[in-house]
């Protein structure tokens, strides 16, 4: 029989526990991203924060980052989520 440590290692840095209310579709996206990268939700949130901060720092240093294209894609994704929600709400209303 082999014994191994399972789970995420304990952190040496202090951690604050917080609860965020996320849009259901955004949370689903977060879970999919986390799963794709072999992380849990909390670790993925940390990675996304670090990624965003790295982009901000690179941008402030003059590195060319296509923010207009990124923001356009963010708006496109958000519009798709809103549209999906509107379709679900209208189909729920039709069932009443």
PDB file of N, CA and C in Angstrom:
ATOM      1  N   UNK A   1       0.849  -1.175   0.000  1.00  0.00           N
ATOM      2  CA  UNK A   1       0.000   0.000   0.000  1.00  0.00           C
ATOM      3  C   UNK A   1       0.898   1.244   0.000  1.00  0.00           C
ATOM      4  N   UNK A   2       0.528   2.196  -0.816  1.00  0.00           N
ATOM      5  CA  UNK A   2       1.283   3.440  -0.913  1.00  0.00           C
ATOM      6  C   UNK A   2       0.491   4.552  -0.244  1.00  0.00           C
ATOM      7  N   UNK A   3       1.198   5.370   0.514  1.00  0.00           N
ATOM      8  CA  UNK A   3       0.555   6.496   1.191  1.00  0.00           C
ATOM      9  C   UNK A   3       1.046   7.775   0.529  1.00  0.00           C
ATOM     10  N   UNK A   4       0.119   8.696   0.289  1.00  0.00           N
ATOM     11  CA  UNK A   4       0.483   9.971  -0.318  1.00  0.00           C
ATOM     12  C   UNK A   4      -0.355  11.090   0.242  1.00  0.00           C
ATOM     13  N   UNK A   5       0.162  12.275   0.128  1.00  0.00           N
ATOM     14  CA  UNK A   5      -0.577  13.458   0.583  1.00  0.00           C
ATOM     15  C   UNK A   5      -1.507  13.897  -0.540  1.00  0.00           C
ATOM     16  N   UNK A   6      -2.743  14.135  -0.188  1.00  0.00           N
ATOM     17  CA  UNK A   6      -3.751  14.543  -1.162  1.00  0.00           C
ATOM     18  C   UNK A   6      -4.210  15.952  -0.832  1.00  0.00           C
ATOM     19  N   UNK A   7      -4.471  16.743  -1.853  1.00  0.00           N
ATOM     20  CA  UNK A   7      -4.995  18.088  -1.637  1.00  0.00           C
ATOM     21  C   UNK A   7      -3.933  19.154  -1.804  1.00  0.00           C
ATOM     22  N   UNK A   8      -4.344  20.339  -1.510  1.00  0.00           N
ATOM     23  CA  UNK A   8      -3.484  21.497  -1.676  1.00  0.00           C
ATOM     24  C   UNK A   8      -2.624  21.690  -0.436  1.00  0.00           C
ATOM     25  N   UNK A   9      -1.344  22.000  -0.611  1.00  0.00           N
ATOM     26  CA  UNK A   9      -0.490  22.191   0.567  1.00  0.00           C
ATOM     27  C   UNK A   9      -0.904  23.419   1.372  1.00  0.00           C
ATOM     28  N   UNK A  10      -0.642  23.369   2.673  1.00  0.00           N
ATOM     29  CA  UNK A  10      -0.956  24.520   3.524  1.00  0.00           C
ATOM     30  C   UNK A  10      -0.101  25.693   3.117  1.00  0.00           C
ATOM     31  N   UNK A  11      -0.659  26.876   3.287  1.00  0.00           N
ATOM     32  CA  UNK A  11       0.051  28.098   2.931  1.00  0.00           C
ATOM     33  C   UNK A  11       0.781  28.650   4.136  1.00  0.00           C
ATOM     34  N   UNK A  12       1.921  29.249   3.862  1.00  0.00           N
ATOM     35  CA  UNK A  12       2.650  29.905   4.943  1.00  0.00           C
ATOM     36  C   UNK A  12       2.220  31.365   5.070  1.00  0.00           C
ATOM     37  N   UNK A  13       1.612  31.919   3.981  1.00  0.00           N
ATOM     38  CA  UNK A  13       1.134  33.299   4.024  1.00  0.00           C
ATOM     39  C   UNK A  13      -0.241  33.333   4.662  1.00  0.00           C
ATOM     40  N   UNK A  14      -0.577  34.455   5.314  1.00  0.00           N
ATOM     41  CA  UNK A  14      -1.917  34.553   5.908  1.00  0.00           C
ATOM     42  C   UNK A  14      -3.007  34.571   4.838  1.00  0.00           C
ATOM     43  N   UNK A  15      -4.162  34.031   5.179  1.00  0.00           N
ATOM     44  CA  UNK A  15      -5.281  33.933   4.248  1.00  0.00           C
ATOM     45  C   UNK A  15      -6.528  34.479   4.923  1.00  0.00           C
ATOM     46  N   UNK A  16      -7.246  35.340   4.221  1.00  0.00           N
ATOM     47  CA  UNK A  16      -8.549  35.810   4.691  1.00  0.00           C
ATOM     48  C   UNK A  16      -9.620  35.035   3.949  1.00  0.00           C
ATOM     49  N   UNK A  17     -10.621  34.593   4.665  1.00  0.00           N
ATOM     50  CA  UNK A  17     -11.727  33.885   4.029  1.00  0.00           C
ATOM     51  C   UNK A  17     -12.810  34.904   3.696  1.00  0.00           C
ATOM     52  N   UNK A  18     -13.248  34.895   2.436  1.00  0.00           N
ATOM     53  CA  UNK A  18     -14.304  35.806   1.995  1.00  0.00           C
ATOM     54  C   UNK A  18     -15.314  35.024   1.168  1.00  0.00           C
ATOM     55  N   UNK A  19     -16.496  35.545   1.107  1.00  0.00           N
ATOM     56  CA  UNK A  19     -17.531  34.952   0.264  1.00  0.00           C
ATOM     57  C   UNK A  19     -17.956  35.991  -0.756  1.00  0.00           C
ATOM     58  N   UNK A  20     -17.884  35.618  -2.019  1.00  0.00           N
ATOM     59  CA  UNK A  20     -18.301  36.493  -3.099  1.00  0.00           C
ATOM     60  C   UNK A  20     -19.549  35.927  -3.735  1.00  0.00           C
ATOM     61  N   UNK A  21     -20.412  36.816  -4.177  1.00  0.00           N
ATOM     62  CA  UNK A  21     -21.569  36.379  -4.944  1.00  0.00           C
ATOM     63  C   UNK A  21     -21.224  36.573  -6.408  1.00  0.00           C
ATOM     64  N   UNK A  22     -21.138  35.471  -7.134  1.00  0.00           N
ATOM     65  CA  UNK A  22     -20.817  35.518  -8.551  1.00  0.00           C
ATOM     66  C   UNK A  22     -22.031  35.104  -9.361  1.00  0.00           C
ATOM     67  N   UNK A  23     -22.186  35.734 -10.493  1.00  0.00           N
ATOM     68  CA  UNK A  23     -23.190  35.341 -11.472  1.00  0.00           C
ATOM     69  C   UNK A  23     -23.010  33.840 -11.728  1.00  0.00           C
ATOM     70  N   UNK A  24     -24.097  33.111 -11.834  1.00  0.00           N
ATOM     71  CA  UNK A  24     -24.034  31.659 -12.011  1.00  0.00           C
ATOM     72  C   UNK A  24     -23.213  31.273 -13.234  1.00  0.00           C
ATOM     73  N   UNK A  25     -23.426  31.970 -14.353  1.00  0.00           N
ATOM     74  CA  UNK A  25     -22.682  31.647 -15.570  1.00  0.00           C
ATOM     75  C   UNK A  25     -21.203  31.971 -15.422  1.00  0.00           C
ATOM     76  N   UNK A  26     -20.872  33.058 -14.718  1.00  0.00           N
ATOM     77  CA  UNK A  26     -19.467  33.392 -14.494  1.00  0.00           C
ATOM     78  C   UNK A  26     -18.808  32.338 -13.617  1.00  0.00           C
ATOM     79  N   UNK A  27     -19.532  31.869 -12.618  1.00  0.00           N
ATOM     80  CA  UNK A  27     -18.969  30.833 -11.747  1.00  0.00           C
ATOM     81  C   UNK A  27     -18.749  29.549 -12.523  1.00  0.00           C
ATOM     82  N   UNK A  28     -19.679  29.239 -13.421  1.00  0.00           N
ATOM     83  CA  UNK A  28     -19.518  28.052 -14.262  1.00  0.00           C
ATOM     84  C   UNK A  28     -18.264  28.193 -15.129  1.00  0.00           C
ATOM     85  N   UNK A  29     -18.040  29.390 -15.691  1.00  0.00           N
ATOM     86  CA  UNK A  29     -16.833  29.631 -16.479  1.00  0.00           C
ATOM     87  C   UNK A  29     -15.589  29.458 -15.611  1.00  0.00           C
ATOM     88  N   UNK A  30     -15.647  30.006 -14.402  1.00  0.00           N
ATOM     89  CA  UNK A  30     -14.516  29.900 -13.474  1.00  0.00           C
ATOM     90  C   UNK A  30     -14.205  28.438 -13.177  1.00  0.00           C
ATOM     91  N   UNK A  31     -15.240  27.647 -12.936  1.00  0.00           N
ATOM     92  CA  UNK A  31     -15.039  26.232 -12.654  1.00  0.00           C
ATOM     93  C   UNK A  31     -14.440  25.501 -13.853  1.00  0.00           C
ATOM     94  N   UNK A  32     -14.895  25.837 -15.052  1.00  0.00           N
ATOM     95  CA  UNK A  32     -14.365  25.199 -16.257  1.00  0.00           C
ATOM     96  C   UNK A  32     -12.895  25.559 -16.467  1.00  0.00           C
ATOM     97  N   UNK A  33     -12.561  26.834 -16.264  1.00  0.00           N
ATOM     98  CA  UNK A  33     -11.166  27.274 -16.408  1.00  0.00           C
ATOM     99  C   UNK A  33     -10.293  26.571 -15.374  1.00  0.00           C
ATOM    100  N   UNK A  34     -10.783  26.531 -14.132  1.00  0.00           N
ATOM    101  CA  UNK A  34     -10.022  25.901 -13.055  1.00  0.00           C
ATOM    102  C   UNK A  34      -9.782  24.422 -13.366  1.00  0.00           C
ATOM    103  N   UNK A  35     -10.824  23.734 -13.793  1.00  0.00           N
ATOM    104  CA  UNK A  35     -10.705  22.309 -14.107  1.00  0.00           C
ATOM    105  C   UNK A  35      -9.726  22.085 -15.252  1.00  0.00           C
ATOM    106  N   UNK A  36      -9.813  22.927 -16.270  1.00  0.00           N
ATOM    107  CA  UNK A  36      -8.926  22.818 -17.430  1.00  0.00           C
ATOM    108  C   UNK A  36      -7.463  22.991 -17.029  1.00  0.00           C
ATOM    109  N   UNK A  37      -7.219  23.805 -15.986  1.00  0.00           N
ATOM    110  CA  UNK A  37      -5.855  24.087 -15.539  1.00  0.00           C
ATOM    111  C   UNK A  37      -5.446  23.285 -14.309  1.00  0.00           C
ATOM    112  N   UNK A  38      -6.284  22.346 -13.881  1.00  0.00           N
ATOM    113  CA  UNK A  38      -5.945  21.505 -12.745  1.00  0.00           C
ATOM    114  C   UNK A  38      -5.934  22.253 -11.414  1.00  0.00           C
ATOM    115  N   UNK A  39      -6.803  23.251 -11.295  1.00  0.00           N
ATOM    116  CA  UNK A  39      -6.886  24.034 -10.059  1.00  0.00           C
ATOM    117  C   UNK A  39      -8.288  23.937  -9.476  1.00  0.00           C
ATOM    118  N   UNK A  40      -8.404  24.380  -8.224  1.00  0.00           N
ATOM    119  CA  UNK A  40      -9.738  24.556  -7.659  1.00  0.00           C
ATOM    120  C   UNK A  40     -10.155  26.008  -7.892  1.00  0.00           C
ATOM    121  N   UNK A  41     -11.386  26.357  -7.541  1.00  0.00           N
ATOM    122  CA  UNK A  41     -11.887  27.712  -7.801  1.00  0.00           C
ATOM    123  C   UNK A  41     -11.032  28.785  -7.136  1.00  0.00           C
ATOM    124  N   UNK A  42     -10.689  28.581  -5.876  1.00  0.00           N
ATOM    125  CA  UNK A  42      -9.903  29.584  -5.155  1.00  0.00           C
ATOM    126  C   UNK A  42      -8.555  29.823  -5.788  1.00  0.00           C
ATOM    127  N   UNK A  43      -7.878  28.746  -6.171  1.00  0.00           N
ATOM    128  CA  UNK A  43      -6.575  28.874  -6.818  1.00  0.00           C
ATOM    129  C   UNK A  43      -6.710  29.561  -8.171  1.00  0.00           C
ATOM    130  N   UNK A  44      -7.819  29.301  -8.866  1.00  0.00           N
ATOM    131  CA  UNK A  44      -8.023  29.941 -10.165  1.00  0.00           C
ATOM    132  C   UNK A  44      -8.300  31.431 -10.007  1.00  0.00           C
ATOM    133  N   UNK A  45      -9.058  31.812  -8.977  1.00  0.00           N
ATOM    134  CA  UNK A  45      -9.282  33.229  -8.710  1.00  0.00           C
ATOM    135  C   UNK A  45      -7.954  33.919  -8.440  1.00  0.00           C
ATOM    136  N   UNK A  46      -7.099  33.297  -7.632  1.00  0.00           N
ATOM    137  CA  UNK A  46      -5.771  33.857  -7.364  1.00  0.00           C
ATOM    138  C   UNK A  46      -4.998  34.039  -8.665  1.00  0.00           C
ATOM    139  N   UNK A  47      -5.021  33.028  -9.528  1.00  0.00           N
ATOM    140  CA  UNK A  47      -4.295  33.091 -10.792  1.00  0.00           C
ATOM    141  C   UNK A  47      -4.835  34.213 -11.671  1.00  0.00           C
ATOM    142  N   UNK A  48      -6.152  34.366 -11.729  1.00  0.00           N
ATOM    143  CA  UNK A  48      -6.742  35.426 -12.541  1.00  0.00           C
ATOM    144  C   UNK A  48      -6.366  36.813 -12.026  1.00  0.00           C
ATOM    145  N   UNK A  49      -6.321  36.977 -10.727  1.00  0.00           N
ATOM    146  CA  UNK A  49      -5.911  38.262 -10.140  1.00  0.00           C
ATOM    147  C   UNK A  49      -4.455  38.548 -10.499  1.00  0.00           C
ATOM    148  N   UNK A  50      -3.589  37.555 -10.336  1.00  0.00           N
ATOM    149  CA  UNK A  50      -2.175  37.732 -10.673  1.00  0.00           C
ATOM    150  C   UNK A  50      -1.990  38.016 -12.166  1.00  0.00           C
ATOM    151  N   UNK A  51      -2.741  37.324 -12.999  1.00  0.00           N
ATOM    152  CA  UNK A  51      -2.676  37.521 -14.440  1.00  0.00           C
ATOM    153  C   UNK A  51      -3.077  38.953 -14.802  1.00  0.00           C
ATOM    154  N   UNK A  52      -4.160  39.426 -14.225  1.00  0.00           N
ATOM    155  CA  UNK A  52      -4.620  40.785 -14.499  1.00  0.00           C
ATOM    156  C   UNK A  52      -3.587  41.810 -14.035  1.00  0.00           C
ATOM    157  N   UNK A  53      -3.031  41.607 -12.858  1.00  0.00           N
ATOM    158  CA  UNK A  53      -2.030  42.540 -12.338  1.00  0.00           C
ATOM    159  C   UNK A  53      -0.782  42.541 -13.221  1.00  0.00           C
ATOM    160  N   UNK A  54      -0.379  41.370 -13.700  1.00  0.00           N
ATOM    161  CA  UNK A  54       0.780  41.291 -14.597  1.00  0.00           C
ATOM    162  C   UNK A  54       0.513  42.069 -15.881  1.00  0.00           C
ATOM    163  N   UNK A  55      -0.679  41.942 -16.430  1.00  0.00           N
ATOM    164  CA  UNK A  55      -1.039  42.689 -17.640  1.00  0.00           C
ATOM    165  C   UNK A  55      -0.996  44.191 -17.368  1.00  0.00           C
ATOM    166  N   UNK A  56      -1.549  44.611 -16.243  1.00  0.00           N
ATOM    167  CA  UNK A  56      -1.535  46.037 -15.879  1.00  0.00           C
ATOM    168  C   UNK A  56      -0.103  46.553 -15.765  1.00  0.00           C
ATOM    169  N   UNK A  57       0.771  45.786 -15.123  1.00  0.00           N
ATOM    170  CA  UNK A  57       2.164  46.209 -14.963  1.00  0.00           C
ATOM    171  C   UNK A  57       2.879  46.280 -16.311  1.00  0.00           C
ATOM    172  N   UNK A  58       2.673  45.261 -17.144  1.00  0.00           N
ATOM    173  CA  UNK A  58       3.296  45.272 -18.470  1.00  0.00           C
ATOM    174  C   UNK A  58       2.807  46.463 -19.288  1.00  0.00           C
ATOM    175  N   UNK A  59       1.512  46.741 -19.206  1.00  0.00           N
ATOM    176  CA  UNK A  59       0.950  47.875 -19.939  1.00  0.00           C
ATOM    177  C   UNK A  59       1.560  49.189 -19.455  1.00  0.00           C
ATOM    178  N   UNK A  60       1.718  49.329 -18.150  1.00  0.00           N
ATOM    179  CA  UNK A  60       2.287  50.563 -17.616  1.00  0.00           C
ATOM    180  C   UNK A  60       3.764  50.707 -17.971  1.00  0.00           C
ATOM    181  N   UNK A  61       4.423  49.587 -18.287  1.00  0.00           N
ATOM    182  CA  UNK A  61       5.827  49.610 -18.708  1.00  0.00           C
ATOM    183  C   UNK A  61       5.964  49.841 -20.216  1.00  0.00           C
ATOM    184  N   UNK A  62       4.830  49.984 -20.896  1.00  0.00           N
ATOM    185  CA  UNK A  62       4.857  50.266 -22.328  1.00  0.00           C
ATOM    186  C   UNK A  62       4.814  49.053 -23.225  1.00  0.00           C
ATOM    187  N   UNK A  63       4.631  47.872 -22.665  1.00  0.00           N
ATOM    188  CA  UNK A  63       4.514  46.664 -23.487  1.00  0.00           C
ATOM    189  C   UNK A  63       3.165  46.715 -24.204  1.00  0.00           C
ATOM    190  N   UNK A  64       3.183  46.448 -25.497  1.00  0.00           N
ATOM    191  CA  UNK A  64       1.959  46.519 -26.289  1.00  0.00           C
ATOM    192  C   UNK A  64       1.034  45.345 -25.963  1.00  0.00           C
ATOM    193  N   UNK A  65      -0.117  45.657 -25.401  1.00  0.00           N
ATOM    194  CA  UNK A  65      -1.143  44.664 -25.099  1.00  0.00           C
ATOM    195  C   UNK A  65      -2.435  45.181 -25.731  1.00  0.00           C
ATOM    196  N   UNK A  66      -3.100  44.373 -26.538  1.00  0.00           N
ATOM    197  CA  UNK A  66      -4.282  44.850 -27.267  1.00  0.00           C
ATOM    198  C   UNK A  66      -5.519  44.988 -26.357  1.00  0.00           C
ATOM    199  N   UNK A  67      -5.500  46.004 -25.479  1.00  0.00           N
ATOM    200  CA  UNK A  67      -6.604  46.174 -24.544  1.00  0.00           C
ATOM    201  C   UNK A  67      -7.938  46.385 -25.240  1.00  0.00           C
ATOM    202  N   UNK A  68      -7.948  47.098 -26.358  1.00  0.00           N
ATOM    203  CA  UNK A  68      -9.209  47.304 -27.084  1.00  0.00           C
ATOM    204  C   UNK A  68      -9.802  45.971 -27.520  1.00  0.00           C
ATOM    205  N   UNK A  69      -8.946  45.083 -28.011  1.00  0.00           N
ATOM    206  CA  UNK A  69      -9.413  43.765 -28.447  1.00  0.00           C
ATOM    207  C   UNK A  69      -9.860  42.925 -27.252  1.00  0.00           C
ATOM    208  N   UNK A  70      -9.126  43.003 -26.153  1.00  0.00           N
ATOM    209  CA  UNK A  70      -9.493  42.255 -24.947  1.00  0.00           C
ATOM    210  C   UNK A  70     -10.838  42.752 -24.417  1.00  0.00           C
ATOM    211  N   UNK A  71     -10.990  44.070 -24.315  1.00  0.00           N
ATOM    212  CA  UNK A  71     -12.249  44.633 -23.813  1.00  0.00           C
ATOM    213  C   UNK A  71     -13.416  44.314 -24.739  1.00  0.00           C
ATOM    214  N   UNK A  72     -13.186  44.321 -26.051  1.00  0.00           N
ATOM    215  CA  UNK A  72     -14.242  43.956 -26.993  1.00  0.00           C
ATOM    216  C   UNK A  72     -14.661  42.506 -26.785  1.00  0.00           C
ATOM    217  N   UNK A  73     -13.686  41.627 -26.543  1.00  0.00           N
ATOM    218  CA  UNK A  73     -14.004  40.220 -26.314  1.00  0.00           C
ATOM    219  C   UNK A  73     -14.752  40.044 -24.993  1.00  0.00           C
ATOM    220  N   UNK A  74     -14.345  40.793 -23.959  1.00  0.00           N
ATOM    221  CA  UNK A  74     -15.049  40.743 -22.663  1.00  0.00           C
ATOM    222  C   UNK A  74     -16.513  41.144 -22.864  1.00  0.00           C
ATOM    223  N   UNK A  75     -16.737  42.232 -23.599  1.00  0.00           N
ATOM    224  CA  UNK A  75     -18.117  42.681 -23.857  1.00  0.00           C
ATOM    225  C   UNK A  75     -18.901  41.634 -24.637  1.00  0.00           C
ATOM    226  N   UNK A  76     -18.242  40.977 -25.593  1.00  0.00           N
ATOM    227  CA  UNK A  76     -18.881  39.936 -26.389  1.00  0.00           C
ATOM    228  C   UNK A  76     -19.288  38.746 -25.506  1.00  0.00           C
ATOM    229  N   UNK A  77     -18.396  38.318 -24.641  1.00  0.00           N
ATOM    230  CA  UNK A  77     -18.688  37.196 -23.736  1.00  0.00           C
ATOM    231  C   UNK A  77     -19.827  37.574 -22.791  1.00  0.00           C
ATOM    232  N   UNK A  78     -19.749  38.787 -22.228  1.00  0.00           N
ATOM    233  CA  UNK A  78     -20.794  39.239 -21.295  1.00  0.00           C
ATOM    234  C   UNK A  78     -22.149  39.314 -21.996  1.00  0.00           C
ATOM    235  N   UNK A  79     -22.171  39.846 -23.215  1.00  0.00           N
ATOM    236  CA  UNK A  79     -23.427  39.942 -23.971  1.00  0.00           C
ATOM    237  C   UNK A  79     -24.006  38.543 -24.205  1.00  0.00           C
ATOM    238  N   UNK A  80     -23.143  37.580 -24.488  1.00  0.00           N
ATOM    239  CA  UNK A  80     -23.607  36.202 -24.670  1.00  0.00           C
ATOM    240  C   UNK A  80     -24.215  35.636 -23.396  1.00  0.00           C
ATOM    241  N   UNK A  81     -23.620  35.959 -22.254  1.00  0.00           N
ATOM    242  CA  UNK A  81     -24.169  35.495 -20.977  1.00  0.00           C
ATOM    243  C   UNK A  81     -25.525  36.140 -20.699  1.00  0.00           C
ATOM    244  N   UNK A  82     -25.628  37.440 -20.979  1.00  0.00           N
ATOM    245  CA  UNK A  82     -26.890  38.153 -20.766  1.00  0.00           C
ATOM    246  C   UNK A  82     -27.966  37.590 -21.681  1.00  0.00           C
ATOM    247  N   UNK A  83     -27.595  37.345 -22.943  1.00  0.00           N
ATOM    248  CA  UNK A  83     -28.538  36.792 -23.915  1.00  0.00           C
ATOM    249  C   UNK A  83     -29.016  35.412 -23.472  1.00  0.00           C
ATOM    250  N   UNK A  84     -28.092  34.592 -22.992  1.00  0.00           N
ATOM    251  CA  UNK A  84     -28.439  33.255 -22.493  1.00  0.00           C
ATOM    252  C   UNK A  84     -29.410  33.364 -21.322  1.00  0.00           C
ATOM    253  N   UNK A  85     -29.152  34.309 -20.419  1.00  0.00           N
ATOM    254  CA  UNK A  85     -30.020  34.520 -19.261  1.00  0.00           C
ATOM    255  C   UNK A  85     -31.396  35.006 -19.688  1.00  0.00           C
ATOM    256  N   UNK A  86     -31.434  35.918 -20.659  1.00  0.00           N
ATOM    257  CA  UNK A  86     -32.718  36.434 -21.153  1.00  0.00           C
ATOM    258  C   UNK A  86     -33.545  35.329 -21.791  1.00  0.00           C
ATOM    259  N   UNK A  87     -32.869  34.440 -22.539  1.00  0.00           N
ATOM    260  CA  UNK A  87     -33.593  33.318 -23.160  1.00  0.00           C
ATOM    261  C   UNK A  87     -34.153  32.385 -22.094  1.00  0.00           C
ATOM    262  N   UNK A  88     -33.366  32.131 -21.049  1.00  0.00           N
ATOM    263  CA  UNK A  88     -33.826  31.240 -19.982  1.00  0.00           C
ATOM    264  C   UNK A  88     -34.996  31.875 -19.228  1.00  0.00           C
ATOM    265  N   UNK A  89     -34.923  33.174 -18.996  1.00  0.00           N
ATOM    266  CA  UNK A  89     -35.988  33.863 -18.273  1.00  0.00           C
ATOM    267  C   UNK A  89     -37.257  33.888 -19.105  1.00  0.00           C
ATOM    268  N   UNK A  90     -37.145  34.155 -20.404  1.00  0.00           N
ATOM    269  CA  UNK A  90     -38.336  34.217 -21.247  1.00  0.00           C
ATOM    270  C   UNK A  90     -38.961  32.834 -21.387  1.00  0.00           C
ATOM    271  N   UNK A  91     -38.173  31.776 -21.436  1.00  0.00           N
ATOM    272  CA  UNK A  91     -38.746  30.418 -21.528  1.00  0.00           C
ATOM    273  C   UNK A  91     -39.397  30.032 -20.208  1.00  0.00           C
ATOM    274  N   UNK A  92     -38.865  30.523 -19.079  1.00  0.00           N
ATOM    275  CA  UNK A  92     -39.503  30.280 -17.778  1.00  0.00           C
ATOM    276  C   UNK A  92     -40.836  30.992 -17.718  1.00  0.00           C
ATOM    277  N   UNK A  93     -40.907  32.212 -18.251  1.00  0.00           N
ATOM    278  CA  UNK A  93     -42.146  32.986 -18.241  1.00  0.00           C
ATOM    279  C   UNK A  93     -43.212  32.329 -19.123  1.00  0.00           C
ATOM    280  N   UNK A  94     -42.786  31.730 -20.234  1.00  0.00           N
ATOM    281  CA  UNK A  94     -43.737  31.078 -21.130  1.00  0.00           C
ATOM    282  C   UNK A  94     -44.356  29.844 -20.483  1.00  0.00           C
ATOM    283  N   UNK A  95     -43.627  29.217 -19.596  1.00  0.00           N
ATOM    284  CA  UNK A  95     -44.108  28.012 -18.935  1.00  0.00           C
ATOM    285  C   UNK A  95     -45.125  28.286 -17.850  1.00  0.00           C
ATOM    286  N   UNK A  96     -45.294  29.542 -17.478  1.00  0.00           N
ATOM    287  CA  UNK A  96     -46.216  29.884 -16.385  1.00  0.00           C
ATOM    288  C   UNK A  96     -47.639  29.998 -16.858  1.00  0.00           C
TER     289      UNK A  96
END
